[in-house]
Amino acid sequence: MTSVLSILHRASGLILAAGTLLVVWWFWTIMSGAGSYAVAHGFFNGLFGRLLLFVWSLCMFYHLCNGVRHLVWDMGYALEIKQAYMAGWIAIGIAVVLTAAAWLL
């Protein structure tokens, strides 16, 4: 489990970087005028755009929670395999809850 979560941490970082390019594009369309912004607004309000935003937010919260988990390890806590697995499940659970809260509230 720890190796899978490590791979997911790296993958979520890559997805965050790619998603940041979309955010930059969105800001660029704001500066470019109403016509450009309408295109970006239509894209992000479509099914595919919303799916990308959902995945991006899930990756953001997972990357955050798993980063905190790594900081706990760096302090010397939760290093036993059972504790490491529990911390992994907690990180996943909190990431899912935070994503749901961000989208539902």
PDB file of N, CA and C in Angstrom:
ATOM      1  N   MET A   1       0.813  -1.196   0.000  1.00  0.00           N
ATOM      2  CA  MET A   1       0.000   0.000   0.000  1.00  0.00           C
ATOM      3  C   MET A   1       0.861   1.267   0.000  1.00  0.00           C
ATOM      4  N   THR A   2       1.943   1.248   0.745  1.00  0.00           N
ATOM      5  CA  THR A   2       2.769   2.448   0.812  1.00  0.00           C
ATOM      6  C   THR A   2       3.380   2.789  -0.550  1.00  0.00           C
ATOM      7  N   SER A   3       3.756   1.784  -1.316  1.00  0.00           N
ATOM      8  CA  SER A   3       4.323   2.067  -2.637  1.00  0.00           C
ATOM      9  C   SER A   3       3.256   2.586  -3.599  1.00  0.00           C
ATOM     10  N   VAL A   4       2.043   2.060  -3.503  1.00  0.00           N
ATOM     11  CA  VAL A   4       0.947   2.545  -4.353  1.00  0.00           C
ATOM     12  C   VAL A   4       0.626   3.999  -4.014  1.00  0.00           C
ATOM     13  N   LEU A   5       0.573   4.316  -2.729  1.00  0.00           N
ATOM     14  CA  LEU A   5       0.295   5.690  -2.329  1.00  0.00           C
ATOM     15  C   LEU A   5       1.423   6.631  -2.737  1.00  0.00           C
ATOM     16  N   SER A   6       2.657   6.131  -2.735  1.00  0.00           N
ATOM     17  CA  SER A   6       3.778   6.941  -3.192  1.00  0.00           C
ATOM     18  C   SER A   6       3.653   7.243  -4.687  1.00  0.00           C
ATOM     19  N   ILE A   7       3.293   6.244  -5.463  1.00  0.00           N
ATOM     20  CA  ILE A   7       3.096   6.442  -6.900  1.00  0.00           C
ATOM     21  C   ILE A   7       1.941   7.404  -7.148  1.00  0.00           C
ATOM     22  N   LEU A   8       0.854   7.252  -6.392  1.00  0.00           N
ATOM     23  CA  LEU A   8      -0.287   8.159  -6.532  1.00  0.00           C
ATOM     24  C   LEU A   8       0.085   9.587  -6.142  1.00  0.00           C
ATOM     25  N   HIS A   9       0.964   9.727  -5.167  1.00  0.00           N
ATOM     26  CA  HIS A   9       1.422  11.058  -4.761  1.00  0.00           C
ATOM     27  C   HIS A   9       2.154  11.740  -5.917  1.00  0.00           C
ATOM     28  N   ARG A  10       3.010  10.990  -6.575  1.00  0.00           N
ATOM     29  CA  ARG A  10       3.746  11.546  -7.718  1.00  0.00           C
ATOM     30  C   ARG A  10       2.807  11.842  -8.881  1.00  0.00           C
ATOM     31  N   ALA A  11       1.866  10.926  -9.140  1.00  0.00           N
ATOM     32  CA  ALA A  11       0.898  11.134 -10.226  1.00  0.00           C
ATOM     33  C   ALA A  11       0.010  12.338  -9.939  1.00  0.00           C
ATOM     34  N   SER A  12      -0.404  12.483  -8.684  1.00  0.00           N
ATOM     35  CA  SER A  12      -1.244  13.635  -8.349  1.00  0.00           C
ATOM     36  C   SER A  12      -0.468  14.940  -8.522  1.00  0.00           C
ATOM     37  N   GLY A  13       0.819  14.922  -8.259  1.00  0.00           N
ATOM     38  CA  GLY A  13       1.647  16.105  -8.496  1.00  0.00           C
ATOM     39  C   GLY A  13       1.707  16.473  -9.969  1.00  0.00           C
ATOM     40  N   LEU A  14       1.813  15.464 -10.826  1.00  0.00           N
ATOM     41  CA  LEU A  14       1.811  15.719 -12.273  1.00  0.00           C
ATOM     42  C   LEU A  14       0.464  16.265 -12.733  1.00  0.00           C
ATOM     43  N   ILE A  15      -0.609  15.705 -12.209  1.00  0.00           N
ATOM     44  CA  ILE A  15      -1.947  16.174 -12.576  1.00  0.00           C
ATOM     45  C   ILE A  15      -2.155  17.599 -12.083  1.00  0.00           C
ATOM     46  N   LEU A  16      -1.652  17.920 -10.902  1.00  0.00           N
ATOM     47  CA  LEU A  16      -1.748  19.288 -10.400  1.00  0.00           C
ATOM     48  C   LEU A  16      -1.000  20.265 -11.300  1.00  0.00           C
ATOM     49  N   ALA A  17       0.155  19.866 -11.781  1.00  0.00           N
ATOM     50  CA  ALA A  17       0.921  20.732 -12.678  1.00  0.00           C
ATOM     51  C   ALA A  17       0.163  20.955 -13.981  1.00  0.00           C
ATOM     52  N   ALA A  18      -0.409  19.899 -14.534  1.00  0.00           N
ATOM     53  CA  ALA A  18      -1.184  20.032 -15.775  1.00  0.00           C
ATOM     54  C   ALA A  18      -2.435  20.874 -15.537  1.00  0.00           C
ATOM     55  N   GLY A  19      -3.091  20.672 -14.413  1.00  0.00           N
ATOM     56  CA  GLY A  19      -4.279  21.456 -14.090  1.00  0.00           C
ATOM     57  C   GLY A  19      -3.958  22.923 -13.883  1.00  0.00           C
ATOM     58  N   THR A  20      -2.781  23.206 -13.392  1.00  0.00           N
ATOM     59  CA  THR A  20      -2.367  24.591 -13.207  1.00  0.00           C
ATOM     60  C   THR A  20      -2.276  25.304 -14.553  1.00  0.00           C
ATOM     61  N   LEU A  21      -1.902  24.575 -15.592  1.00  0.00           N
ATOM     62  CA  LEU A  21      -1.885  25.171 -16.934  1.00  0.00           C
ATOM     63  C   LEU A  21      -3.294  25.568 -17.363  1.00  0.00           C
ATOM     64  N   LEU A  22      -4.291  24.777 -16.986  1.00  0.00           N
ATOM     65  CA  LEU A  22      -5.672  25.146 -17.283  1.00  0.00           C
ATOM     66  C   LEU A  22      -6.090  26.399 -16.529  1.00  0.00           C
ATOM     67  N   VAL A  23      -5.658  26.515 -15.296  1.00  0.00           N
ATOM     68  CA  VAL A  23      -5.967  27.713 -14.521  1.00  0.00           C
ATOM     69  C   VAL A  23      -5.303  28.939 -15.147  1.00  0.00           C
ATOM     70  N   VAL A  24      -4.079  28.797 -15.605  1.00  0.00           N
ATOM     71  CA  VAL A  24      -3.384  29.891 -16.290  1.00  0.00           C
ATOM     72  C   VAL A  24      -4.139  30.264 -17.559  1.00  0.00           C
ATOM     73  N   TRP A  25      -4.613  29.268 -18.303  1.00  0.00           N
ATOM     74  CA  TRP A  25      -5.408  29.533 -19.510  1.00  0.00           C
ATOM     75  C   TRP A  25      -6.671  30.311 -19.150  1.00  0.00           C
ATOM     76  N   TRP A  26      -7.324  29.908 -18.059  1.00  0.00           N
ATOM     77  CA  TRP A  26      -8.535  30.586 -17.624  1.00  0.00           C
ATOM     78  C   TRP A  26      -8.239  32.056 -17.293  1.00  0.00           C
ATOM     79  N   PHE A  27      -7.149  32.316 -16.550  1.00  0.00           N
ATOM     80  CA  PHE A  27      -6.765  33.702 -16.255  1.00  0.00           C
ATOM     81  C   PHE A  27      -6.448  34.470 -17.539  1.00  0.00           C
ATOM     82  N   TRP A  28      -5.807  33.796 -18.469  1.00  0.00           N
ATOM     83  CA  TRP A  28      -5.460  34.445 -19.740  1.00  0.00           C
ATOM     84  C   TRP A  28      -6.728  34.862 -20.484  1.00  0.00           C
ATOM     85  N   THR A  29      -7.743  34.013 -20.442  1.00  0.00           N
ATOM     86  CA  THR A  29      -8.989  34.367 -21.130  1.00  0.00           C
ATOM     87  C   THR A  29      -9.693  35.539 -20.437  1.00  0.00           C
ATOM     88  N   ILE A  30      -9.544  35.653 -19.120  1.00  0.00           N
ATOM     89  CA  ILE A  30     -10.116  36.797 -18.409  1.00  0.00           C
ATOM     90  C   ILE A  30      -9.467  38.083 -18.902  1.00  0.00           C
ATOM     91  N   MET A  31      -8.152  38.054 -19.100  1.00  0.00           N
ATOM     92  CA  MET A  31      -7.438  39.245 -19.568  1.00  0.00           C
ATOM     93  C   MET A  31      -7.700  39.532 -21.048  1.00  0.00           C
ATOM     94  N   SER A  32      -8.092  38.502 -21.799  1.00  0.00           N
ATOM     95  CA  SER A  32      -8.236  38.654 -23.246  1.00  0.00           C
ATOM     96  C   SER A  32      -9.581  39.211 -23.673  1.00  0.00           C
ATOM     97  N   GLY A  33     -10.542  39.241 -22.783  1.00  0.00           N
ATOM     98  CA  GLY A  33     -11.817  39.829 -23.144  1.00  0.00           C
ATOM     99  C   GLY A  33     -12.980  38.865 -22.981  1.00  0.00           C
ATOM    100  N   ALA A  34     -14.167  39.409 -23.200  1.00  0.00           N
ATOM    101  CA  ALA A  34     -15.401  38.657 -22.950  1.00  0.00           C
ATOM    102  C   ALA A  34     -15.548  37.446 -23.871  1.00  0.00           C
ATOM    103  N   GLY A  35     -15.141  37.566 -25.109  1.00  0.00           N
ATOM    104  CA  GLY A  35     -15.274  36.443 -26.041  1.00  0.00           C
ATOM    105  C   GLY A  35     -14.414  35.251 -25.647  1.00  0.00           C
ATOM    106  N   SER A  36     -13.177  35.525 -25.289  1.00  0.00           N
ATOM    107  CA  SER A  36     -12.275  34.452 -24.855  1.00  0.00           C
ATOM    108  C   SER A  36     -12.753  33.830 -23.557  1.00  0.00           C
ATOM    109  N   TYR A  37     -13.216  34.694 -22.653  1.00  0.00           N
ATOM    110  CA  TYR A  37     -13.696  34.179 -21.373  1.00  0.00           C
ATOM    111  C   TYR A  37     -14.924  33.300 -21.563  1.00  0.00           C
ATOM    112  N   ALA A  38     -15.782  33.650 -22.501  1.00  0.00           N
ATOM    113  CA  ALA A  38     -16.984  32.844 -22.766  1.00  0.00           C
ATOM    114  C   ALA A  38     -16.599  31.442 -23.219  1.00  0.00           C
ATOM    115  N   VAL A  39     -15.539  31.323 -23.994  1.00  0.00           N
ATOM    116  CA  VAL A  39     -15.068  30.008 -24.443  1.00  0.00           C
ATOM    117  C   VAL A  39     -14.596  29.190 -23.240  1.00  0.00           C
ATOM    118  N   ALA A  40     -13.780  29.797 -22.384  1.00  0.00           N
ATOM    119  CA  ALA A  40     -13.282  29.087 -21.196  1.00  0.00           C
ATOM    120  C   ALA A  40     -14.426  28.747 -20.258  1.00  0.00           C
ATOM    121  N   HIS A  41     -15.350  29.674 -20.085  1.00  0.00           N
ATOM    122  CA  HIS A  41     -16.500  29.429 -19.216  1.00  0.00           C
ATOM    123  C   HIS A  41     -17.329  28.255 -19.734  1.00  0.00           C
ATOM    124  N   GLY A  42     -17.525  28.210 -21.036  1.00  0.00           N
ATOM    125  CA  GLY A  42     -18.251  27.085 -21.627  1.00  0.00           C
ATOM    126  C   GLY A  42     -17.522  25.765 -21.444  1.00  0.00           C
ATOM    127  N   PHE A  43     -16.192  25.805 -21.578  1.00  0.00           N
ATOM    128  CA  PHE A  43     -15.410  24.583 -21.399  1.00  0.00           C
ATOM    129  C   PHE A  43     -15.507  24.064 -19.969  1.00  0.00           C
ATOM    130  N   PHE A  44     -15.307  24.941 -18.984  1.00  0.00           N
ATOM    131  CA  PHE A  44     -15.314  24.510 -17.592  1.00  0.00           C
ATOM    132  C   PHE A  44     -16.713  24.172 -17.085  1.00  0.00           C
ATOM    133  N   ASN A  45     -17.740  24.681 -17.732  1.00  0.00           N
ATOM    134  CA  ASN A  45     -19.104  24.324 -17.338  1.00  0.00           C
ATOM    135  C   ASN A  45     -19.610  23.071 -18.041  1.00  0.00           C
ATOM    136  N   GLY A  46     -18.869  22.585 -19.028  1.00  0.00           N
ATOM    137  CA  GLY A  46     -19.236  21.346 -19.699  1.00  0.00           C
ATOM    138  C   GLY A  46     -18.872  20.136 -18.852  1.00  0.00           C
ATOM    139  N   LEU A  47     -19.362  18.978 -19.292  1.00  0.00           N
ATOM    140  CA  LEU A  47     -19.123  17.741 -18.540  1.00  0.00           C
ATOM    141  C   LEU A  47     -17.631  17.431 -18.420  1.00  0.00           C
ATOM    142  N   PHE A  48     -16.905  17.540 -19.519  1.00  0.00           N
ATOM    143  CA  PHE A  48     -15.477  17.225 -19.502  1.00  0.00           C
ATOM    144  C   PHE A  48     -14.709  18.213 -18.619  1.00  0.00           C
ATOM    145  N   GLY A  49     -15.049  19.495 -18.721  1.00  0.00           N
ATOM    146  CA  GLY A  49     -14.383  20.506 -17.899  1.00  0.00           C
ATOM    147  C   GLY A  49     -14.632  20.299 -16.415  1.00  0.00           C
ATOM    148  N   ARG A  50     -15.871  19.957 -16.065  1.00  0.00           N
ATOM    149  CA  ARG A  50     -16.184  19.704 -14.655  1.00  0.00           C
ATOM    150  C   ARG A  50     -15.473  18.446 -14.152  1.00  0.00           C
ATOM    151  N   LEU A  51     -15.381  17.445 -15.004  1.00  0.00           N
ATOM    152  CA  LEU A  51     -14.658  16.226 -14.633  1.00  0.00           C
ATOM    153  C   LEU A  51     -13.186  16.551 -14.367  1.00  0.00           C
ATOM    154  N   LEU A  52     -12.578  17.365 -15.235  1.00  0.00           N
ATOM    155  CA  LEU A  52     -11.184  17.763 -15.019  1.00  0.00           C
ATOM    156  C   LEU A  52     -11.027  18.537 -13.718  1.00  0.00           C
ATOM    157  N   LEU A  53     -11.945  19.450 -13.444  1.00  0.00           N
ATOM    158  CA  LEU A  53     -11.871  20.215 -12.194  1.00  0.00           C
ATOM    159  C   LEU A  53     -12.045  19.320 -10.975  1.00  0.00           C
ATOM    160  N   PHE A  54     -12.944  18.324 -11.082  1.00  0.00           N
ATOM    161  CA  PHE A  54     -13.139  17.396  -9.969  1.00  0.00           C
ATOM    162  C   PHE A  54     -11.879  16.586  -9.711  1.00  0.00           C
ATOM    163  N   VAL A  55     -11.299  16.034 -10.757  1.00  0.00           N
ATOM    164  CA  VAL A  55     -10.072  15.235 -10.607  1.00  0.00           C
ATOM    165  C   VAL A  55      -8.943  16.111 -10.075  1.00  0.00           C
ATOM    166  N   TRP A  56      -8.864  17.343 -10.566  1.00  0.00           N
ATOM    167  CA  TRP A  56      -7.822  18.254 -10.105  1.00  0.00           C
ATOM    168  C   TRP A  56      -7.979  18.549  -8.617  1.00  0.00           C
ATOM    169  N   SER A  57      -9.209  18.788  -8.173  1.00  0.00           N
ATOM    170  CA  SER A  57      -9.418  19.078  -6.751  1.00  0.00           C
ATOM    171  C   SER A  57      -9.155  17.840  -5.890  1.00  0.00           C
ATOM    172  N   LEU A  58      -9.545  16.659  -6.368  1.00  0.00           N
ATOM    173  CA  LEU A  58      -9.248  15.432  -5.635  1.00  0.00           C
ATOM    174  C   LEU A  58      -7.743  15.234  -5.507  1.00  0.00           C
ATOM    175  N   CYS A  59      -7.011  15.459  -6.591  1.00  0.00           N
ATOM    176  CA  CYS A  59      -5.552  15.337  -6.553  1.00  0.00           C
ATOM    177  C   CYS A  59      -4.935  16.365  -5.616  1.00  0.00           C
ATOM    178  N   MET A  60      -5.491  17.574  -5.599  1.00  0.00           N
ATOM    179  CA  MET A  60      -4.968  18.610  -4.724  1.00  0.00           C
ATOM    180  C   MET A  60      -5.108  18.196  -3.255  1.00  0.00           C
ATOM    181  N   PHE A  61      -6.296  17.715  -2.885  1.00  0.00           N
ATOM    182  CA  PHE A  61      -6.505  17.324  -1.493  1.00  0.00           C
ATOM    183  C   PHE A  61      -5.720  16.065  -1.137  1.00  0.00           C
ATOM    184  N   TYR A  62      -5.618  15.112  -2.074  1.00  0.00           N
ATOM    185  CA  TYR A  62      -4.829  13.910  -1.789  1.00  0.00           C
ATOM    186  C   TYR A  62      -3.354  14.277  -1.609  1.00  0.00           C
ATOM    187  N   HIS A  63      -2.845  15.116  -2.499  1.00  0.00           N
ATOM    188  CA  HIS A  63      -1.442  15.508  -2.432  1.00  0.00           C
ATOM    189  C   HIS A  63      -1.154  16.224  -1.116  1.00  0.00           C
ATOM    190  N   LEU A  64      -2.086  17.068  -0.691  1.00  0.00           N
ATOM    191  CA  LEU A  64      -1.944  17.764   0.586  1.00  0.00           C
ATOM    192  C   LEU A  64      -1.922  16.779   1.757  1.00  0.00           C
ATOM    193  N   CYS A  65      -2.910  15.903   1.812  1.00  0.00           N
ATOM    194  CA  CYS A  65      -3.012  14.957   2.933  1.00  0.00           C
ATOM    195  C   CYS A  65      -1.842  13.983   2.963  1.00  0.00           C
ATOM    196  N   ASN A  66      -1.438  13.507   1.809  1.00  0.00           N
ATOM    197  CA  ASN A  66      -0.312  12.578   1.768  1.00  0.00           C
ATOM    198  C   ASN A  66       1.000  13.303   2.108  1.00  0.00           C
ATOM    199  N   GLY A  67       1.096  14.574   1.753  1.00  0.00           N
ATOM    200  CA  GLY A  67       2.270  15.355   2.141  1.00  0.00           C
ATOM    201  C   GLY A  67       2.356  15.513   3.652  1.00  0.00           C
ATOM    202  N   VAL A  68       1.211  15.727   4.296  1.00  0.00           N
ATOM    203  CA  VAL A  68       1.184  15.807   5.767  1.00  0.00           C
ATOM    204  C   VAL A  68       1.608  14.468   6.357  1.00  0.00           C
ATOM    205  N   ARG A  69       1.139  13.377   5.737  1.00  0.00           N
ATOM    206  CA  ARG A  69       1.529  12.039   6.194  1.00  0.00           C
ATOM    207  C   ARG A  69       3.052  11.867   6.132  1.00  0.00           C
ATOM    208  N   HIS A  70       3.651  12.355   5.067  1.00  0.00           N
ATOM    209  CA  HIS A  70       5.104  12.277   4.942  1.00  0.00           C
ATOM    210  C   HIS A  70       5.795  13.138   5.997  1.00  0.00           C
ATOM    211  N   LEU A  71       5.217  14.282   6.310  1.00  0.00           N
ATOM    212  CA  LEU A  71       5.794  15.115   7.365  1.00  0.00           C
ATOM    213  C   LEU A  71       5.738  14.408   8.708  1.00  0.00           C
ATOM    214  N   VAL A  72       4.655  13.678   8.967  1.00  0.00           N
ATOM    215  CA  VAL A  72       4.545  12.890  10.203  1.00  0.00           C
ATOM    216  C   VAL A  72       5.646  11.839  10.228  1.00  0.00           C
ATOM    217  N   TRP A  73       5.874  11.191   9.098  1.00  0.00           N
ATOM    218  CA  TRP A  73       6.966  10.206   9.021  1.00  0.00           C
ATOM    219  C   TRP A  73       8.319  10.873   9.284  1.00  0.00           C
ATOM    220  N   ASP A  74       8.511  12.069   8.724  1.00  0.00           N
ATOM    221  CA  ASP A  74       9.785  12.778   8.917  1.00  0.00           C
ATOM    222  C   ASP A  74      10.036  13.112  10.377  1.00  0.00           C
ATOM    223  N   MET A  75       8.958  13.249  11.155  1.00  0.00           N
ATOM    224  CA  MET A  75       9.114  13.512  12.589  1.00  0.00           C
ATOM    225  C   MET A  75       9.341  12.223  13.373  1.00  0.00           C
ATOM    226  N   GLY A  76       9.299  11.088  12.685  1.00  0.00           N
ATOM    227  CA  GLY A  76       9.587   9.813  13.342  1.00  0.00           C
ATOM    228  C   GLY A  76       8.367   9.077  13.860  1.00  0.00           C
ATOM    229  N   TYR A  77       7.171   9.478  13.457  1.00  0.00           N
ATOM    230  CA  TYR A  77       5.944   8.827  13.911  1.00  0.00           C
ATOM    231  C   TYR A  77       5.345   7.979  12.794  1.00  0.00           C
ATOM    232  N   ALA A  78       4.554   6.982  13.200  1.00  0.00           N
ATOM    233  CA  ALA A  78       3.783   6.123  12.281  1.00  0.00           C
ATOM    234  C   ALA A  78       4.675   5.415  11.267  1.00  0.00           C
ATOM    235  N   LEU A  79       5.820   4.932  11.718  1.00  0.00           N
ATOM    236  CA  LEU A  79       6.747   4.265  10.810  1.00  0.00           C
ATOM    237  C   LEU A  79       6.544   2.753  10.752  1.00  0.00           C
ATOM    238  N   GLU A  80       5.856   2.186  11.722  1.00  0.00           N
ATOM    239  CA  GLU A  80       5.566   0.750  11.677  1.00  0.00           C
ATOM    240  C   GLU A  80       4.572   0.493  10.550  1.00  0.00           C
ATOM    241  N   ILE A  81       4.616  -0.675   9.957  1.00  0.00           N
ATOM    242  CA  ILE A  81       3.824  -0.963   8.759  1.00  0.00           C
ATOM    243  C   ILE A  81       2.320  -0.819   9.014  1.00  0.00           C
ATOM    244  N   LYS A  82       1.861  -1.279  10.178  1.00  0.00           N
ATOM    245  CA  LYS A  82       0.430  -1.171  10.491  1.00  0.00           C
ATOM    246  C   LYS A  82       0.026   0.300  10.620  1.00  0.00           C
ATOM    247  N   GLN A  83       0.858   1.093  11.276  1.00  0.00           N
ATOM    248  CA  GLN A  83       0.582   2.517  11.418  1.00  0.00           C
ATOM    249  C   GLN A  83       0.665   3.241  10.070  1.00  0.00           C
ATOM    250  N   ALA A  84       1.608   2.825   9.240  1.00  0.00           N
ATOM    251  CA  ALA A  84       1.762   3.443   7.920  1.00  0.00           C
ATOM    252  C   ALA A  84       0.530   3.180   7.061  1.00  0.00           C
ATOM    253  N   TYR A  85       0.005   1.965   7.134  1.00  0.00           N
ATOM    254  CA  TYR A  85      -1.218   1.641   6.387  1.00  0.00           C
ATOM    255  C   TYR A  85      -2.389   2.461   6.907  1.00  0.00           C
ATOM    256  N   MET A  86      -2.501   2.561   8.228  1.00  0.00           N
ATOM    257  CA  MET A  86      -3.598   3.329   8.812  1.00  0.00           C
ATOM    258  C   MET A  86      -3.498   4.800   8.400  1.00  0.00           C
ATOM    259  N   ALA A  87      -2.296   5.351   8.443  1.00  0.00           N
ATOM    260  CA  ALA A  87      -2.098   6.744   8.030  1.00  0.00           C
ATOM    261  C   ALA A  87      -2.452   6.930   6.559  1.00  0.00           C
ATOM    262  N   GLY A  88      -2.158   5.932   5.732  1.00  0.00           N
ATOM    263  CA  GLY A  88      -2.525   5.997   4.317  1.00  0.00           C
ATOM    264  C   GLY A  88      -4.029   6.033   4.122  1.00  0.00           C
ATOM    265  N   TRP A  89      -4.736   5.163   4.835  1.00  0.00           N
ATOM    266  CA  TRP A  89      -6.198   5.152   4.736  1.00  0.00           C
ATOM    267  C   TRP A  89      -6.801   6.451   5.257  1.00  0.00           C
ATOM    268  N   ILE A  90      -6.202   6.989   6.308  1.00  0.00           N
ATOM    269  CA  ILE A  90      -6.681   8.261   6.846  1.00  0.00           C
ATOM    270  C   ILE A  90      -6.475   9.380   5.819  1.00  0.00           C
ATOM    271  N   ALA A  91      -5.317   9.407   5.180  1.00  0.00           N
ATOM    272  CA  ALA A  91      -5.041  10.428   4.165  1.00  0.00           C
ATOM    273  C   ALA A  91      -6.039  10.331   3.013  1.00  0.00           C
ATOM    274  N   ILE A  92      -6.324   9.108   2.566  1.00  0.00           N
ATOM    275  CA  ILE A  92      -7.291   8.919   1.488  1.00  0.00           C
ATOM    276  C   ILE A  92      -8.679   9.379   1.938  1.00  0.00           C
ATOM    277  N   GLY A  93      -9.071   8.983   3.142  1.00  0.00           N
ATOM    278  CA  GLY A  93     -10.393   9.351   3.647  1.00  0.00           C
ATOM    279  C   GLY A  93     -10.567  10.852   3.781  1.00  0.00           C
ATOM    280  N   ILE A  94      -9.571  11.518   4.333  1.00  0.00           N
ATOM    281  CA  ILE A  94      -9.665  12.974   4.495  1.00  0.00           C
ATOM    282  C   ILE A  94      -9.694  13.662   3.134  1.00  0.00           C
ATOM    283  N   ALA A  95      -8.911  13.160   2.179  1.00  0.00           N
ATOM    284  CA  ALA A  95      -8.916  13.741   0.831  1.00  0.00           C
ATOM    285  C   ALA A  95     -10.294  13.618   0.186  1.00  0.00           C
ATOM    286  N   VAL A  96     -10.932  12.477   0.353  1.00  0.00           N
ATOM    287  CA  VAL A  96     -12.273  12.277  -0.214  1.00  0.00           C
ATOM    288  C   VAL A  96     -13.277  13.204   0.473  1.00  0.00           C
ATOM    289  N   VAL A  97     -13.196  13.308   1.787  1.00  0.00           N
ATOM    290  CA  VAL A  97     -14.123  14.176   2.531  1.00  0.00           C
ATOM    291  C   VAL A  97     -13.924  15.641   2.130  1.00  0.00           C
ATOM    292  N   LEU A  98     -12.680  16.082   2.034  1.00  0.00           N
ATOM    293  CA  LEU A  98     -12.416  17.466   1.641  1.00  0.00           C
ATOM    294  C   LEU A  98     -12.890  17.750   0.222  1.00  0.00           C
ATOM    295  N   THR A  99     -12.705  16.789  -0.678  1.00  0.00           N
ATOM    296  CA  THR A  99     -13.174  16.969  -2.059  1.00  0.00           C
ATOM    297  C   THR A  99     -14.688  17.057  -2.091  1.00  0.00           C
ATOM    298  N   ALA A 100     -15.351  16.171  -1.365  1.00  0.00           N
ATOM    299  CA  ALA A 100     -16.819  16.201  -1.314  1.00  0.00           C
ATOM    300  C   ALA A 100     -17.299  17.519  -0.721  1.00  0.00           C
ATOM    301  N   ALA A 101     -16.641  17.983   0.329  1.00  0.00           N
ATOM    302  CA  ALA A 101     -17.040  19.250   0.956  1.00  0.00           C
ATOM    303  C   ALA A 101     -16.857  20.414  -0.004  1.00  0.00           C
ATOM    304  N   ALA A 102     -15.761  20.406  -0.748  1.00  0.00           N
ATOM    305  CA  ALA A 102     -15.494  21.495  -1.697  1.00  0.00           C
ATOM    306  C   ALA A 102     -16.536  21.528  -2.813  1.00  0.00           C
ATOM    307  N   TRP A 103     -17.003  20.377  -3.241  1.00  0.00           N
ATOM    308  CA  TRP A 103     -17.951  20.325  -4.346  1.00  0.00           C
ATOM    309  C   TRP A 103     -19.395  20.438  -3.894  1.00  0.00           C
ATOM    310  N   LEU A 104     -19.684  20.080  -2.668  1.00  0.00           N
ATOM    311  CA  LEU A 104     -21.080  20.078  -2.223  1.00  0.00           C
ATOM    312  C   LEU A 104     -21.451  21.319  -1.408  1.00  0.00           C
ATOM    313  N   LEU A 105     -20.472  21.978  -0.822  1.00  0.00           N
ATOM    314  CA  LEU A 105     -20.792  23.148   0.019  1.00  0.00           C
ATOM    315  C   LEU A 105     -20.626  24.445  -0.709  1.00  0.00           C
TER     316      LEU A 105
END
